[in-house]
Amino acid sequence: TVSGEELFAIKQKQAELLEEHQEALLGPFAEYGPSDCFSCEWKVGYWDKLTVFSNYDQSKVQTGPLLREALRHPSGEHLRELHAGIPESVWAGESDWQDYIDAIAEAGAPELRRLHLADDEDNAEISWCHIGDLSALWQAVPELEYLRLRGVGMDLGDIDAPRLSTLLIESGGIPNDAIRAIGRAMIAGKMPD
């Protein structure tokens, strides 16, 4: 058991080490503070959970390319959970998650288990949030077990997610093609039913 005083000393040392080695540990996020556009949780020296989002005060940060760099960084090699929050396009009156989807598809996330493409802070109405085309995503996330989508305008493509046990879609209207894609994937055994 660790006492309160020992825990405080550990947390202080952790903060010192992070400050000293932030470029090596945080890669593309080193120049931004955790509250500016990301947060992360560590597990055995790697990011276990990463949250990327746009912040009005940092609205010039291109979060899609930043995520792509993060997924290619050594700290992201064993990423298991990703929350892709509000994109910077919201500050221009739009909300489009395609940059995040493209970043994941291009960089890959072979150990990713949980993916959230959603504005959890309610910065935009659900009907303003355009998810995008997920067709290229499936090959990049072979271990995906949980997917949460919040918005409209989604193309699921040919789903190939044999481990996907939870698909949560929060929407003002799910396109018929998306429902057909889910049915086809279940019938073909590319998604559990």
Protein backbone atom coordinates (compact mmCIF):
# COMPACT_ATOMS: atom_id res chain seq x y z
CA THR A 1 0.00 0.00 0.00
CA VAL A 2 1.26 3.46 -0.89
CA SER A 3 0.73 6.30 1.54
CA GLY A 4 -0.63 9.68 0.46
CA GLU A 5 2.80 11.23 0.89
CA GLU A 6 4.44 8.51 -1.24
CA LEU A 7 1.78 8.87 -3.93
CA PHE A 8 2.35 12.63 -4.01
CA ALA A 9 6.11 12.05 -4.44
CA ILE A 10 5.48 9.55 -7.26
CA LYS A 11 3.15 11.96 -9.08
CA GLN A 12 5.66 14.77 -8.65
CA LYS A 13 8.45 12.62 -10.09
CA GLN A 14 6.18 11.56 -12.95
CA ALA A 15 5.48 15.22 -13.81
CA GLU A 16 9.21 16.01 -13.69
CA LEU A 17 10.08 13.12 -16.00
CA LEU A 18 7.31 14.04 -18.43
CA GLU A 19 8.53 17.65 -18.51
CA GLU A 20 12.13 16.55 -19.06
CA HIS A 21 11.35 13.98 -21.78
CA GLN A 22 8.14 15.39 -23.27
CA GLU A 23 9.38 15.45 -26.86
CA ALA A 24 10.33 11.77 -26.78
CA LEU A 25 7.19 10.72 -24.90
CA LEU A 26 4.57 12.99 -26.44
CA GLY A 27 5.91 13.33 -29.97
CA PRO A 28 3.65 15.65 -31.97
CA PHE A 29 1.79 16.71 -28.83
CA ALA A 30 4.90 18.02 -27.05
CA GLU A 31 4.22 21.63 -28.01
CA TYR A 32 0.60 21.53 -26.79
CA GLY A 33 -0.57 21.23 -23.24
CA PRO A 34 -2.88 18.34 -22.36
CA SER A 35 -5.87 20.64 -22.13
CA ASP A 36 -5.17 22.26 -25.51
CA CYS A 37 -5.95 19.41 -27.89
CA PHE A 38 -5.23 16.03 -26.33
CA SER A 39 -5.09 13.89 -23.24
CA CYS A 40 -3.53 10.49 -22.76
CA GLU A 41 -3.33 7.63 -20.32
CA TRP A 42 -0.21 5.49 -20.15
CA LYS A 43 0.27 1.77 -19.71
CA VAL A 44 3.70 0.14 -19.52
CA GLY A 45 5.41 3.00 -21.35
CA TYR A 46 2.87 3.45 -24.17
CA TRP A 47 -0.31 5.42 -24.69
CA ASP A 48 -3.17 3.15 -23.76
CA LYS A 49 -5.91 5.73 -24.29
CA LEU A 50 -5.63 8.88 -26.36
CA THR A 51 -8.13 11.69 -26.77
CA VAL A 52 -7.66 14.23 -29.57
CA PHE A 53 -9.92 17.25 -29.98
CA SER A 54 -9.97 20.80 -31.21
CA ASN A 55 -9.98 23.66 -28.76
CA TYR A 56 -11.25 27.10 -29.76
CA ASP A 57 -8.11 28.70 -28.31
CA GLN A 58 -6.01 26.37 -30.48
CA SER A 59 -8.32 26.41 -33.50
CA LYS A 60 -5.40 26.57 -35.96
CA VAL A 61 -4.15 23.14 -34.82
CA GLN A 62 -4.86 20.60 -37.55
CA THR A 63 -6.03 17.68 -35.42
CA GLY A 64 -6.30 15.14 -38.27
CA PRO A 65 -2.61 15.40 -39.27
CA LEU A 66 -1.69 15.59 -35.57
CA LEU A 67 -3.49 12.29 -34.97
CA ARG A 68 -1.72 10.72 -37.98
CA GLU A 69 1.66 11.70 -36.47
CA ALA A 70 0.60 10.41 -33.07
CA LEU A 71 -0.37 7.00 -34.44
CA ARG A 72 3.06 6.74 -36.09
CA HIS A 73 4.88 7.78 -32.90
CA PRO A 74 6.47 4.99 -30.79
CA SER A 75 4.25 5.94 -27.81
CA GLY A 76 1.21 5.10 -29.94
CA GLU A 77 2.36 1.62 -31.01
CA HIS A 78 0.10 -0.18 -28.54
CA LEU A 79 -2.81 2.25 -28.43
CA ARG A 80 -5.98 0.44 -27.38
CA GLU A 81 -8.52 3.27 -27.08
CA LEU A 82 -8.96 6.43 -29.12
CA HIS A 83 -11.44 9.25 -28.64
CA ALA A 84 -11.50 11.55 -31.67
CA GLY A 85 -13.44 14.51 -30.38
CA ILE A 86 -14.57 17.70 -32.02
CA PRO A 87 -12.52 18.53 -35.13
CA GLU A 88 -11.31 22.06 -35.86
CA SER A 89 -13.87 22.34 -38.68
CA VAL A 90 -16.50 23.05 -35.99
CA TRP A 91 -15.12 26.56 -35.53
CA ALA A 92 -15.90 27.25 -39.21
CA GLY A 93 -19.50 26.09 -38.72
CA GLU A 94 -18.96 22.49 -39.84
CA SER A 95 -18.09 19.25 -38.07
CA ASP A 96 -16.44 16.59 -40.17
CA TRP A 97 -14.60 13.54 -38.81
CA GLN A 98 -13.14 12.50 -42.18
CA ASP A 99 -9.64 13.80 -41.33
CA TYR A 100 -9.59 11.56 -38.26
CA ILE A 101 -10.83 8.55 -40.24
CA ASP A 102 -8.22 9.14 -42.95
CA ALA A 103 -5.46 9.51 -40.35
CA ILE A 104 -6.34 6.18 -38.74
CA ALA A 105 -6.68 4.44 -42.10
CA GLU A 106 -3.31 5.75 -43.32
CA ALA A 107 -1.27 5.31 -40.15
CA GLY A 108 -3.02 2.19 -38.89
CA ALA A 109 -3.86 1.26 -35.33
CA PRO A 110 -3.38 -2.52 -35.22
CA GLU A 111 -4.06 -2.90 -31.49
CA LEU A 112 -6.95 -0.43 -31.23
CA ARG A 113 -9.92 -1.98 -29.42
CA ARG A 114 -12.17 1.03 -28.77
CA LEU A 115 -12.83 3.97 -31.10
CA HIS A 116 -15.06 6.95 -30.43
CA LEU A 117 -15.79 9.39 -33.27
CA ALA A 118 -17.94 11.74 -31.25
CA ASP A 119 -18.17 15.20 -29.74
CA ASP A 120 -18.51 14.32 -26.06
CA GLU A 121 -18.48 17.98 -25.02
CA ASP A 122 -21.60 18.87 -27.04
CA ASN A 123 -19.85 21.65 -28.97
CA ALA A 124 -22.08 20.94 -31.96
CA GLU A 125 -25.59 19.67 -32.53
CA ILE A 126 -25.69 16.02 -33.55
CA SER A 127 -27.24 16.97 -36.92
CA TRP A 128 -24.24 19.24 -37.65
CA CYS A 129 -21.71 16.43 -37.13
CA HIS A 130 -20.82 14.69 -40.39
CA ILE A 131 -19.01 11.41 -39.72
CA GLY A 132 -17.70 10.60 -43.21
CA ASP A 133 -16.61 7.53 -45.16
CA LEU A 134 -15.34 4.67 -42.98
CA SER A 135 -14.58 2.32 -45.92
CA ALA A 136 -10.79 2.48 -45.53
CA LEU A 137 -10.91 2.24 -41.72
CA TRP A 138 -11.67 -1.45 -41.30
CA GLN A 139 -8.31 -2.81 -42.52
CA ALA A 140 -6.44 -0.39 -40.22
CA VAL A 141 -8.16 -1.57 -37.01
CA PRO A 142 -8.29 -5.40 -37.11
CA GLU A 143 -8.78 -5.75 -33.33
CA LEU A 144 -11.64 -3.24 -33.04
CA GLU A 145 -14.27 -4.37 -30.53
CA TYR A 146 -16.18 -1.14 -29.84
CA LEU A 147 -17.10 1.69 -32.21
CA ARG A 148 -19.12 4.75 -31.28
CA LEU A 149 -20.27 7.16 -33.97
CA ARG A 150 -22.15 10.36 -33.14
CA GLY A 151 -23.49 12.29 -36.08
CA VAL A 152 -25.00 11.99 -39.53
CA GLY A 153 -23.71 11.47 -43.04
CA MET A 154 -21.86 8.20 -42.64
CA ASP A 155 -20.76 5.66 -45.21
CA LEU A 156 -19.77 2.43 -43.49
CA GLY A 157 -18.48 0.83 -46.69
CA ASP A 158 -17.85 -2.93 -46.62
CA ILE A 159 -17.52 -3.61 -42.91
CA ASP A 160 -14.84 -6.14 -42.01
CA ALA A 161 -14.72 -6.13 -38.22
CA PRO A 162 -14.98 -9.72 -36.92
CA ARG A 163 -14.26 -8.66 -33.32
CA LEU A 164 -16.69 -5.71 -33.25
CA SER A 165 -19.07 -6.61 -30.44
CA THR A 166 -20.46 -3.11 -29.92
CA LEU A 167 -21.47 -0.63 -32.60
CA LEU A 168 -23.12 2.43 -31.08
CA ILE A 169 -24.55 4.95 -33.53
CA GLU A 170 -26.07 8.14 -32.14
CA SER A 171 -27.69 9.97 -35.01
CA GLY A 172 -30.59 12.07 -36.12
CA GLY A 173 -30.98 9.57 -38.97
CA ILE A 174 -28.98 6.54 -40.02
CA PRO A 175 -28.69 6.22 -43.81
CA ASN A 176 -30.31 3.12 -45.34
CA ASP A 177 -26.95 2.19 -46.92
CA ALA A 178 -25.39 2.06 -43.43
CA ILE A 179 -28.08 -0.34 -42.22
CA ARG A 180 -27.59 -2.50 -45.30
CA ALA A 181 -23.79 -2.50 -44.73
CA ILE A 182 -24.31 -3.76 -41.17
CA GLY A 183 -26.67 -6.50 -42.39
CA ARG A 184 -24.29 -7.58 -45.17
CA ALA A 185 -21.36 -7.74 -42.71
CA MET A 186 -23.34 -9.86 -40.26
CA ILE A 187 -24.54 -12.27 -42.97
CA ALA A 188 -20.98 -12.59 -44.36
CA GLY A 189 -19.54 -13.24 -40.88
CA LYS A 190 -17.44 -10.06 -41.03
CA MET A 191 -19.16 -8.69 -37.93
CA PRO A 192 -20.70 -10.53 -34.98
CA ASP A 193 -24.48 -10.46 -34.79
